[in-house]
């Protein structure tokens, strides 16, 4: 089943360069277990009540500092920084010990293959820091498949359109030929703010209703639906 947002979508001629930008956590890889664990450890170290898994999942995709501030609106800025650094230290320790669990979602590689064969350029825009993103992509030997990598430590974070603007500038692709694929409302809002297509995925961390309310043109339930939906939207006006 595919949820359809009836708002109009950009269109582009088929002979133009086209760019598909993917979110990472919750879209390419399922990293919720590691993210939740590290956030709970970091909060406990500062004497802060541990957030629930559901609370953390709802914030995945935001820059780390923004996510912590949303989880704890009354937290002092200094404590936010301490929790942020504690989270980063915990995640680094997990990765050094080979304990980060970030499996690719079923169908990810097949979808990337289909899009590449159709001539799409591929990119990533994520709330991760560059170091973390590269480590994740290298784990699955897919880092070379993406021609542009945009991260929250080097740009304004979602839903600000900065990462998409930079991805389009790096690849020379305009907004009408760009699609953002992600699992959160933050991804959909970023795409709408940048004037690109917005496609939500139902296997990540936000509900379908949240994605459509945030402006998704479509929501796909499996990766094998994605290439066809993108081509359909690119051909519509």
C-alpha atoms as a PDB file:
ATOM      1  CA  UNK A   1       0.000   0.000   0.000  1.00  0.00           C
ATOM      2  CA  UNK A   2       1.230   3.497  -0.834  1.00  0.00           C
ATOM      3  CA  UNK A   3      -0.082   6.574   0.929  1.00  0.00           C
ATOM      4  CA  UNK A   4      -0.599   9.496  -1.444  1.00  0.00           C
ATOM      5  CA  UNK A   5      -0.389  13.172  -0.597  1.00  0.00           C
ATOM      6  CA  UNK A   6      -2.531  15.030  -3.113  1.00  0.00           C
ATOM      7  CA  UNK A   7      -0.389  18.186  -3.098  1.00  0.00           C
ATOM      8  CA  UNK A   8       1.300  18.864  -6.437  1.00  0.00           C
ATOM      9  CA  UNK A   9       4.838  17.575  -7.007  1.00  0.00           C
ATOM     10  CA  UNK A  10       7.736  18.893  -9.093  1.00  0.00           C
ATOM     11  CA  UNK A  11       8.272  17.485 -12.566  1.00  0.00           C
ATOM     12  CA  UNK A  12      11.431  17.137 -14.661  1.00  0.00           C
ATOM     13  CA  UNK A  13      12.385  16.001 -18.143  1.00  0.00           C
ATOM     14  CA  UNK A  14      13.804  12.480 -18.321  1.00  0.00           C
ATOM     15  CA  UNK A  15      17.099  13.556 -19.945  1.00  0.00           C
ATOM     16  CA  UNK A  16      18.216  15.751 -17.030  1.00  0.00           C
ATOM     17  CA  UNK A  17      20.545  14.808 -14.190  1.00  0.00           C
ATOM     18  CA  UNK A  18      18.543  13.415 -11.307  1.00  0.00           C
ATOM     19  CA  UNK A  19      19.473  13.097  -7.644  1.00  0.00           C
ATOM     20  CA  UNK A  20      18.043  10.731  -5.009  1.00  0.00           C
ATOM     21  CA  UNK A  21      19.061  11.727  -1.474  1.00  0.00           C
ATOM     22  CA  UNK A  22      18.566   9.210   1.325  1.00  0.00           C
ATOM     23  CA  UNK A  23      18.337   9.692   5.048  1.00  0.00           C
ATOM     24  CA  UNK A  24      20.504   7.185   6.927  1.00  0.00           C
ATOM     25  CA  UNK A  25      19.100   6.134  10.326  1.00  0.00           C
ATOM     26  CA  UNK A  26      15.678   4.580   9.869  1.00  0.00           C
ATOM     27  CA  UNK A  27      15.909   4.677   6.072  1.00  0.00           C
ATOM     28  CA  UNK A  28      19.104   2.939   4.934  1.00  0.00           C
ATOM     29  CA  UNK A  29      19.943   1.259   8.249  1.00  0.00           C
ATOM     30  CA  UNK A  30      18.044   0.295  11.386  1.00  0.00           C
ATOM     31  CA  UNK A  31      20.175   1.882  14.085  1.00  0.00           C
ATOM     32  CA  UNK A  32      17.487   2.428  16.727  1.00  0.00           C
ATOM     33  CA  UNK A  33      18.890  -0.060  19.235  1.00  0.00           C
ATOM     34  CA  UNK A  34      22.327   1.563  19.329  1.00  0.00           C
ATOM     35  CA  UNK A  35      20.934   5.110  19.332  1.00  0.00           C
ATOM     36  CA  UNK A  36      18.520   4.424  22.182  1.00  0.00           C
ATOM     37  CA  UNK A  37      21.151   2.632  24.245  1.00  0.00           C
ATOM     38  CA  UNK A  38      23.720   5.423  23.881  1.00  0.00           C
ATOM     39  CA  UNK A  39      21.207   8.159  24.674  1.00  0.00           C
ATOM     40  CA  UNK A  40      20.044   6.383  27.816  1.00  0.00           C
ATOM     41  CA  UNK A  41      23.634   5.839  28.968  1.00  0.00           C
ATOM     42  CA  UNK A  42      24.519   9.498  28.340  1.00  0.00           C
ATOM     43  CA  UNK A  43      21.488  10.767  30.238  1.00  0.00           C
ATOM     44  CA  UNK A  44      22.045   8.436  33.171  1.00  0.00           C
ATOM     45  CA  UNK A  45      25.650   9.627  33.458  1.00  0.00           C
ATOM     46  CA  UNK A  46      24.348  13.182  33.999  1.00  0.00           C
ATOM     47  CA  UNK A  47      21.704  12.104  36.520  1.00  0.00           C
ATOM     48  CA  UNK A  48      18.941  12.779  34.013  1.00  0.00           C
ATOM     49  CA  UNK A  49      15.918  10.443  33.876  1.00  0.00           C
ATOM     50  CA  UNK A  50      16.462   8.046  30.992  1.00  0.00           C
ATOM     51  CA  UNK A  51      14.187   8.664  27.999  1.00  0.00           C
ATOM     52  CA  UNK A  52      12.091   5.792  26.710  1.00  0.00           C
ATOM     53  CA  UNK A  53      12.915   4.079  23.456  1.00  0.00           C
ATOM     54  CA  UNK A  54       9.812   5.651  21.903  1.00  0.00           C
ATOM     55  CA  UNK A  55      10.890   9.136  22.955  1.00  0.00           C
ATOM     56  CA  UNK A  56      14.344   8.689  21.450  1.00  0.00           C
ATOM     57  CA  UNK A  57      13.038   7.186  18.211  1.00  0.00           C
ATOM     58  CA  UNK A  58      10.785  10.211  17.737  1.00  0.00           C
ATOM     59  CA  UNK A  59      13.850  12.479  17.700  1.00  0.00           C
ATOM     60  CA  UNK A  60      16.058  10.413  15.386  1.00  0.00           C
ATOM     61  CA  UNK A  61      17.119  12.502  12.403  1.00  0.00           C
ATOM     62  CA  UNK A  62      17.557  15.779  14.229  1.00  0.00           C
ATOM     63  CA  UNK A  63      21.023  17.117  15.042  1.00  0.00           C
ATOM     64  CA  UNK A  64      22.055  15.555  18.341  1.00  0.00           C
ATOM     65  CA  UNK A  65      21.959  18.797  20.301  1.00  0.00           C
ATOM     66  CA  UNK A  66      18.470  19.614  18.999  1.00  0.00           C
ATOM     67  CA  UNK A  67      17.222  16.125  19.816  1.00  0.00           C
ATOM     68  CA  UNK A  68      18.425  16.373  23.426  1.00  0.00           C
ATOM     69  CA  UNK A  69      16.884  19.830  23.813  1.00  0.00           C
ATOM     70  CA  UNK A  70      13.542  18.542  22.553  1.00  0.00           C
ATOM     71  CA  UNK A  71      13.684  15.576  24.885  1.00  0.00           C
ATOM     72  CA  UNK A  72      14.456  17.884  27.836  1.00  0.00           C
ATOM     73  CA  UNK A  73      13.144  21.403  27.107  1.00  0.00           C
ATOM     74  CA  UNK A  74      14.185  22.692  30.558  1.00  0.00           C
ATOM     75  CA  UNK A  75      17.709  21.277  30.483  1.00  0.00           C
ATOM     76  CA  UNK A  76      20.534  23.775  30.993  1.00  0.00           C
ATOM     77  CA  UNK A  77      22.662  24.352  27.876  1.00  0.00           C
ATOM     78  CA  UNK A  78      25.769  23.069  29.648  1.00  0.00           C
ATOM     79  CA  UNK A  79      24.046  19.816  30.532  1.00  0.00           C
ATOM     80  CA  UNK A  80      22.827  19.446  26.941  1.00  0.00           C
ATOM     81  CA  UNK A  81      26.455  19.643  25.825  1.00  0.00           C
ATOM     82  CA  UNK A  82      27.496  17.093  28.445  1.00  0.00           C
ATOM     83  CA  UNK A  83      24.798  14.655  27.330  1.00  0.00           C
ATOM     84  CA  UNK A  84      25.781  15.205  23.701  1.00  0.00           C
ATOM     85  CA  UNK A  85      29.428  14.417  24.399  1.00  0.00           C
ATOM     86  CA  UNK A  86      28.453  11.429  26.519  1.00  0.00           C
ATOM     87  CA  UNK A  87      26.340  10.086  23.667  1.00  0.00           C
ATOM     88  CA  UNK A  88      29.195  10.498  21.198  1.00  0.00           C
ATOM     89  CA  UNK A  89      31.640   8.808  23.560  1.00  0.00           C
ATOM     90  CA  UNK A  90      29.232   5.890  24.102  1.00  0.00           C
ATOM     91  CA  UNK A  91      28.672   5.437  20.386  1.00  0.00           C
ATOM     92  CA  UNK A  92      32.409   5.579  19.678  1.00  0.00           C
ATOM     93  CA  UNK A  93      33.020   2.942  22.335  1.00  0.00           C
ATOM     94  CA  UNK A  94      30.361   0.671  20.834  1.00  0.00           C
ATOM     95  CA  UNK A  95      31.879   1.050  17.378  1.00  0.00           C
ATOM     96  CA  UNK A  96      35.425   0.381  18.598  1.00  0.00           C
ATOM     97  CA  UNK A  97      34.173  -2.788  20.286  1.00  0.00           C
ATOM     98  CA  UNK A  98      32.274  -3.903  17.197  1.00  0.00           C
ATOM     99  CA  UNK A  99      28.968  -3.641  19.049  1.00  0.00           C
ATOM    100  CA  UNK A 100      27.092  -1.107  16.905  1.00  0.00           C
ATOM    101  CA  UNK A 101      24.029  -2.787  15.413  1.00  0.00           C
ATOM    102  CA  UNK A 102      23.021  -1.008  12.191  1.00  0.00           C
ATOM    103  CA  UNK A 103      21.730  -3.562   9.667  1.00  0.00           C
ATOM    104  CA  UNK A 104      20.640  -2.462   6.224  1.00  0.00           C
ATOM    105  CA  UNK A 105      16.915  -2.665   5.696  1.00  0.00           C
ATOM    106  CA  UNK A 106      15.693  -5.429   3.419  1.00  0.00           C
ATOM    107  CA  UNK A 107      15.808  -4.336  -0.208  1.00  0.00           C
ATOM    108  CA  UNK A 108      18.163  -1.385   0.289  1.00  0.00           C
ATOM    109  CA  UNK A 109      20.883  -2.648  -2.056  1.00  0.00           C
ATOM    110  CA  UNK A 110      18.413  -3.727  -4.726  1.00  0.00           C
ATOM    111  CA  UNK A 111      16.790  -0.284  -4.744  1.00  0.00           C
ATOM    112  CA  UNK A 112      20.176   1.453  -5.003  1.00  0.00           C
ATOM    113  CA  UNK A 113      21.088  -0.842  -7.898  1.00  0.00           C
ATOM    114  CA  UNK A 114      17.883  -0.078  -9.792  1.00  0.00           C
ATOM    115  CA  UNK A 115      18.239   3.667  -9.326  1.00  0.00           C
ATOM    116  CA  UNK A 116      21.894   3.682 -10.379  1.00  0.00           C
ATOM    117  CA  UNK A 117      21.097   1.651 -13.505  1.00  0.00           C
ATOM    118  CA  UNK A 118      18.414   4.221 -14.336  1.00  0.00           C
ATOM    119  CA  UNK A 119      21.037   6.972 -14.177  1.00  0.00           C
ATOM    120  CA  UNK A 120      20.242   8.464 -10.775  1.00  0.00           C
ATOM    121  CA  UNK A 121      22.956  10.125  -8.723  1.00  0.00           C
ATOM    122  CA  UNK A 122      22.765   9.039  -5.083  1.00  0.00           C
ATOM    123  CA  UNK A 123      23.371  11.067  -1.936  1.00  0.00           C
ATOM    124  CA  UNK A 124      22.838  11.041   1.812  1.00  0.00           C
ATOM    125  CA  UNK A 125      21.538  13.766   4.142  1.00  0.00           C
ATOM    126  CA  UNK A 126      21.541  12.780   7.801  1.00  0.00           C
ATOM    127  CA  UNK A 127      21.518  14.010  11.363  1.00  0.00           C
ATOM    128  CA  UNK A 128      24.657  11.950  11.949  1.00  0.00           C
ATOM    129  CA  UNK A 129      28.090  13.533  12.088  1.00  0.00           C
ATOM    130  CA  UNK A 130      30.321  12.859   9.093  1.00  0.00           C
ATOM    131  CA  UNK A 131      32.555  10.480  11.035  1.00  0.00           C
ATOM    132  CA  UNK A 132      29.583   8.376  12.078  1.00  0.00           C
ATOM    133  CA  UNK A 133      28.014   8.376   8.626  1.00  0.00           C
ATOM    134  CA  UNK A 134      31.211   7.275   6.899  1.00  0.00           C
ATOM    135  CA  UNK A 135      31.703   4.505   9.475  1.00  0.00           C
ATOM    136  CA  UNK A 136      28.150   3.253   8.890  1.00  0.00           C
ATOM    137  CA  UNK A 137      28.460   3.292   5.105  1.00  0.00           C
ATOM    138  CA  UNK A 138      31.874   1.603   5.211  1.00  0.00           C
ATOM    139  CA  UNK A 139      30.455  -1.166   7.404  1.00  0.00           C
ATOM    140  CA  UNK A 140      28.178  -2.103   4.519  1.00  0.00           C
ATOM    141  CA  UNK A 141      30.700  -1.253   1.780  1.00  0.00           C
ATOM    142  CA  UNK A 142      28.381   1.280   0.159  1.00  0.00           C
ATOM    143  CA  UNK A 143      30.176   4.580   0.807  1.00  0.00           C
ATOM    144  CA  UNK A 144      31.430   4.833  -2.796  1.00  0.00           C
ATOM    145  CA  UNK A 145      27.887   4.647  -4.162  1.00  0.00           C
ATOM    146  CA  UNK A 146      26.984   8.094  -2.876  1.00  0.00           C
ATOM    147  CA  UNK A 147      28.331  11.122  -4.726  1.00  0.00           C
ATOM    148  CA  UNK A 148      27.359  13.614  -2.020  1.00  0.00           C
ATOM    149  CA  UNK A 149      27.305  13.181   1.762  1.00  0.00           C
ATOM    150  CA  UNK A 150      25.643  15.840   3.915  1.00  0.00           C
ATOM    151  CA  UNK A 151      25.747  15.743   7.716  1.00  0.00           C
ATOM    152  CA  UNK A 152      24.425  17.853  10.555  1.00  0.00           C
ATOM    153  CA  UNK A 153      27.871  18.689  11.931  1.00  0.00           C
ATOM    154  CA  UNK A 154      28.800  20.434   8.666  1.00  0.00           C
ATOM    155  CA  UNK A 155      25.440  22.037   7.832  1.00  0.00           C
ATOM    156  CA  UNK A 156      22.260  23.293   9.420  1.00  0.00           C
ATOM    157  CA  UNK A 157      20.264  20.287  10.578  1.00  0.00           C
ATOM    158  CA  UNK A 158      16.830  19.109   9.504  1.00  0.00           C
ATOM    159  CA  UNK A 159      14.269  20.443   8.780  1.00  0.00           C
ATOM    160  CA  UNK A 160      16.415  23.343   7.519  1.00  0.00           C
ATOM    161  CA  UNK A 161      16.963  22.782   3.757  1.00  0.00           C
ATOM    162  CA  UNK A 162      20.700  23.509   3.948  1.00  0.00           C
ATOM    163  CA  UNK A 163      21.832  19.903   3.443  1.00  0.00           C
ATOM    164  CA  UNK A 164      19.689  19.482   0.337  1.00  0.00           C
ATOM    165  CA  UNK A 165      20.830  22.810  -1.045  1.00  0.00           C
ATOM    166  CA  UNK A 166      24.452  21.698  -0.625  1.00  0.00           C
ATOM    167  CA  UNK A 167      23.764  18.280  -2.169  1.00  0.00           C
ATOM    168  CA  UNK A 168      22.165  19.905  -5.199  1.00  0.00           C
ATOM    169  CA  UNK A 169      24.996  22.426  -5.530  1.00  0.00           C
ATOM    170  CA  UNK A 170      27.640  19.685  -5.368  1.00  0.00           C
ATOM    171  CA  UNK A 171      25.959  17.574  -8.042  1.00  0.00           C
ATOM    172  CA  UNK A 172      24.607  20.323 -10.275  1.00  0.00           C
ATOM    173  CA  UNK A 173      21.050  19.006 -10.004  1.00  0.00           C
ATOM    174  CA  UNK A 174      18.124  21.362  -9.557  1.00  0.00           C
ATOM    175  CA  UNK A 175      15.286  20.982  -7.070  1.00  0.00           C
ATOM    176  CA  UNK A 176      12.764  19.741  -9.613  1.00  0.00           C
ATOM    177  CA  UNK A 177      15.068  16.786 -10.376  1.00  0.00           C
ATOM    178  CA  UNK A 178      15.813  15.909  -6.752  1.00  0.00           C
ATOM    179  CA  UNK A 179      13.982  13.579  -4.382  1.00  0.00           C
ATOM    180  CA  UNK A 180      14.495  13.182  -0.623  1.00  0.00           C
ATOM    181  CA  UNK A 181      13.771   9.734   0.803  1.00  0.00           C
ATOM    182  CA  UNK A 182      13.392   9.456   4.562  1.00  0.00           C
ATOM    183  CA  UNK A 183      11.508   7.973   7.476  1.00  0.00           C
ATOM    184  CA  UNK A 184      10.774  11.056   9.588  1.00  0.00           C
ATOM    185  CA  UNK A 185       8.693  14.192   9.415  1.00  0.00           C
ATOM    186  CA  UNK A 186      11.983  16.133   9.608  1.00  0.00           C
ATOM    187  CA  UNK A 187      13.032  14.639   6.263  1.00  0.00           C
ATOM    188  CA  UNK A 188       9.732  15.536   4.640  1.00  0.00           C
ATOM    189  CA  UNK A 189       9.838  19.088   6.005  1.00  0.00           C
ATOM    190  CA  UNK A 190      13.409  19.539   4.780  1.00  0.00           C
ATOM    191  CA  UNK A 191      12.425  18.390   1.292  1.00  0.00           C
ATOM    192  CA  UNK A 192       9.429  20.706   1.167  1.00  0.00           C
ATOM    193  CA  UNK A 193      11.569  23.597   2.408  1.00  0.00           C
ATOM    194  CA  UNK A 194      14.085  22.881  -0.374  1.00  0.00           C
ATOM    195  CA  UNK A 195      11.421  22.504  -3.071  1.00  0.00           C
ATOM    196  CA  UNK A 196      12.223  18.857  -3.855  1.00  0.00           C
ATOM    197  CA  UNK A 197      10.119  15.728  -3.983  1.00  0.00           C
ATOM    198  CA  UNK A 198       9.530  14.117  -0.591  1.00  0.00           C
ATOM    199  CA  UNK A 199       9.074  10.351  -0.314  1.00  0.00           C
ATOM    200  CA  UNK A 200       8.514   8.771   3.064  1.00  0.00           C
ATOM    201  CA  UNK A 201       9.328   5.187   4.021  1.00  0.00           C
ATOM    202  CA  UNK A 202       7.049   3.269   6.359  1.00  0.00           C
ATOM    203  CA  UNK A 203       9.708   1.022   7.934  1.00  0.00           C
ATOM    204  CA  UNK A 204      11.463   3.735   9.971  1.00  0.00           C
ATOM    205  CA  UNK A 205      10.811   5.716  13.138  1.00  0.00           C
ATOM    206  CA  UNK A 206       7.822   7.968  12.362  1.00  0.00           C
ATOM    207  CA  UNK A 207       4.282   6.905  11.548  1.00  0.00           C
ATOM    208  CA  UNK A 208       2.792   7.207   8.056  1.00  0.00           C
ATOM    209  CA  UNK A 209       0.378   9.918   9.219  1.00  0.00           C
ATOM    210  CA  UNK A 210       3.302  11.972  10.501  1.00  0.00           C
ATOM    211  CA  UNK A 211       5.043  11.694   7.138  1.00  0.00           C
ATOM    212  CA  UNK A 212       2.008  12.712   5.095  1.00  0.00           C
ATOM    213  CA  UNK A 213       1.162  15.537   7.489  1.00  0.00           C
ATOM    214  CA  UNK A 214       4.735  16.815   7.069  1.00  0.00           C
ATOM    215  CA  UNK A 215       4.351  16.957   3.287  1.00  0.00           C
ATOM    216  CA  UNK A 216       5.337  13.565   1.857  1.00  0.00           C
ATOM    217  CA  UNK A 217       4.241  13.244  -1.758  1.00  0.00           C
ATOM    218  CA  UNK A 218       4.095   9.474  -1.260  1.00  0.00           C
ATOM    219  CA  UNK A 219       4.916   6.928   1.423  1.00  0.00           C
ATOM    220  CA  UNK A 220       6.224   3.513   0.360  1.00  0.00           C
ATOM    221  CA  UNK A 221       5.983   0.414   2.515  1.00  0.00           C
ATOM    222  CA  UNK A 222       8.790  -1.620   0.913  1.00  0.00           C
ATOM    223  CA  UNK A 223      11.992  -0.756  -0.904  1.00  0.00           C
ATOM    224  CA  UNK A 224      10.926  -2.520  -4.077  1.00  0.00           C
ATOM    225  CA  UNK A 225       8.154   0.067  -4.479  1.00  0.00           C
ATOM    226  CA  UNK A 226      10.571   2.986  -4.324  1.00  0.00           C
ATOM    227  CA  UNK A 227      12.076   3.182  -7.859  1.00  0.00           C
ATOM    228  CA  UNK A 228       8.676   2.957  -9.546  1.00  0.00           C
ATOM    229  CA  UNK A 229       7.147   5.559  -7.264  1.00  0.00           C
ATOM    230  CA  UNK A 230      10.032   7.959  -7.893  1.00  0.00           C
ATOM    231  CA  UNK A 231       9.737   7.561 -11.660  1.00  0.00           C
ATOM    232  CA  UNK A 232       5.967   8.014 -11.466  1.00  0.00           C
ATOM    233  CA  UNK A 233       6.281  11.234  -9.490  1.00  0.00           C
ATOM    234  CA  UNK A 234       9.024  12.582 -11.709  1.00  0.00           C
ATOM    235  CA  UNK A 235       6.778  12.074 -14.690  1.00  0.00           C
ATOM    236  CA  UNK A 236       3.778  13.817 -13.125  1.00  0.00           C
ATOM    237  CA  UNK A 237       3.071  17.496 -12.982  1.00  0.00           C
END
